[in-house]
Amino acid sequence: MIGSWTYDEAGAVVLPTGHVGLPADPDALRAGLAEAWSRSATERVAIPCRGGRGRTGTAFACLAIIDGVGSRDAVDFVRERYDRRVVETPWQRRFVARCAL
């Protein structure tokens, strides 16, 4: 378990959020994303949400920051490479900006 995260029967990390929501524990999300980034070197990692844009896009933008993309450029970076509609809400965009902290 990472912070408030739990694992499902397949070993996936589960962090409940509402539709287009954000996790209640941002530090746990950062820790989980850092772990996902580390594990992706040797394992397949999936970051799904209902539509694949809001919460998934937010996570992808935070991963881009972990990989060295500037926090001001992370959303555009993911929009250019994954889906132009990722990070659907202003609060998700603010969350991404704070991922670098």
Protein backbone atom coordinates (compact mmCIF):
# COMPACT_ATOMS: atom_id res chain seq x y z
CA MET A 1 0.00 0.00 0.00
CA ILE A 2 1.26 3.48 -0.92
CA GLY A 3 -0.34 6.16 1.24
CA SER A 4 -4.09 5.80 0.66
CA TRP A 5 -3.62 3.50 -2.35
CA THR A 6 -4.63 -0.13 -2.37
CA TYR A 7 -3.96 -2.88 -4.89
CA ASP A 8 -6.66 -4.81 -6.73
CA GLU A 9 -6.54 -8.57 -7.37
CA ALA A 10 -4.42 -8.04 -10.49
CA GLY A 11 -1.83 -6.02 -8.59
CA ALA A 12 -2.93 -2.67 -9.97
CA VAL A 13 -2.86 0.36 -7.71
CA VAL A 14 -6.34 1.74 -7.07
CA LEU A 15 -6.99 5.31 -5.98
CA PRO A 16 -10.69 6.17 -5.84
CA THR A 17 -11.62 9.56 -7.27
CA GLY A 18 -14.86 10.95 -8.57
CA HIS A 19 -15.41 11.42 -12.29
CA VAL A 20 -13.04 14.20 -13.46
CA GLY A 21 -11.89 14.39 -9.84
CA LEU A 22 -8.57 14.47 -8.10
CA PRO A 23 -7.29 12.23 -5.33
CA ALA A 24 -7.78 13.36 -1.76
CA ASP A 25 -4.09 12.67 -1.07
CA PRO A 26 -1.86 14.41 -3.68
CA ASP A 27 1.32 13.16 -1.99
CA ALA A 28 0.10 9.57 -2.38
CA LEU A 29 -0.56 10.22 -6.06
CA ARG A 30 2.94 11.60 -6.56
CA ALA A 31 4.42 8.59 -4.77
CA GLY A 32 2.31 6.20 -6.81
CA LEU A 33 3.25 7.88 -10.08
CA ALA A 34 6.91 7.76 -9.14
CA GLU A 35 6.51 4.04 -8.47
CA ALA A 36 4.63 3.55 -11.76
CA TRP A 37 7.42 5.39 -13.59
CA SER A 38 10.05 3.21 -11.96
CA ARG A 39 8.11 0.00 -12.61
CA SER A 40 7.52 0.92 -16.25
CA ALA A 41 11.18 0.20 -16.98
CA THR A 42 10.57 -3.52 -16.46
CA GLU A 43 6.77 -3.94 -16.32
CA ARG A 44 3.70 -2.88 -18.23
CA VAL A 45 1.93 -0.04 -16.40
CA ALA A 46 -1.63 1.16 -17.11
CA ILE A 47 -3.24 4.34 -15.84
CA PRO A 48 -6.91 4.09 -16.77
CA CYS A 49 -9.95 6.19 -15.99
CA ARG A 50 -13.45 6.15 -17.42
CA GLY A 51 -12.75 8.32 -20.47
CA GLY A 52 -8.95 8.18 -20.59
CA ARG A 53 -8.57 11.96 -20.62
CA GLY A 54 -9.16 13.73 -17.32
CA ARG A 55 -7.58 11.65 -14.59
CA THR A 56 -5.42 9.63 -16.99
CA GLY A 57 -4.22 12.78 -18.75
CA THR A 58 -3.48 14.41 -15.42
CA ALA A 59 -1.40 11.40 -14.41
CA PHE A 60 0.39 11.37 -17.78
CA ALA A 61 1.24 15.06 -17.45
CA CYS A 62 2.64 14.44 -13.96
CA LEU A 63 4.69 11.54 -15.34
CA ALA A 64 6.03 13.84 -18.04
CA ILE A 65 7.22 16.17 -15.28
CA ILE A 66 8.89 13.25 -13.50
CA ASP A 67 10.66 12.53 -16.80
CA GLY A 68 11.94 16.09 -17.07
CA VAL A 69 9.29 18.02 -19.02
CA GLY A 70 8.72 21.43 -17.44
CA SER A 71 5.54 21.80 -15.41
CA ARG A 72 4.36 24.64 -17.67
CA ASP A 73 4.78 22.43 -20.75
CA ALA A 74 3.53 19.09 -19.42
CA VAL A 75 -0.14 19.40 -20.40
CA ASP A 76 0.70 20.54 -23.94
CA PHE A 77 3.31 17.76 -24.18
CA VAL A 78 0.67 15.11 -23.39
CA ARG A 79 -1.96 16.76 -25.61
CA GLU A 80 0.44 16.65 -28.57
CA ARG A 81 1.36 13.00 -28.02
CA TYR A 82 -1.74 11.35 -26.56
CA ASP A 83 -5.02 13.27 -26.85
CA ARG A 84 -5.67 16.96 -27.40
CA ARG A 85 -8.45 16.91 -24.77
CA VAL A 86 -6.47 15.62 -21.77
CA VAL A 87 -6.51 17.44 -18.42
CA GLU A 88 -10.15 18.46 -18.71
CA THR A 89 -10.62 20.84 -15.82
CA PRO A 90 -8.88 23.90 -14.38
CA TRP A 91 -8.27 22.07 -11.09
CA GLN A 92 -6.59 19.20 -12.95
CA ARG A 93 -4.35 21.74 -14.69
CA ARG A 94 -3.47 23.30 -11.32
CA PHE A 95 -2.74 19.85 -9.94
CA VAL A 96 -0.29 19.20 -12.79
CA ALA A 97 1.43 22.53 -12.12
CA ARG A 98 1.91 21.44 -8.50
CA CYS A 99 3.26 17.97 -9.42
CA ALA A 100 6.71 19.47 -9.78
CA LEU A 101 6.75 20.48 -6.12
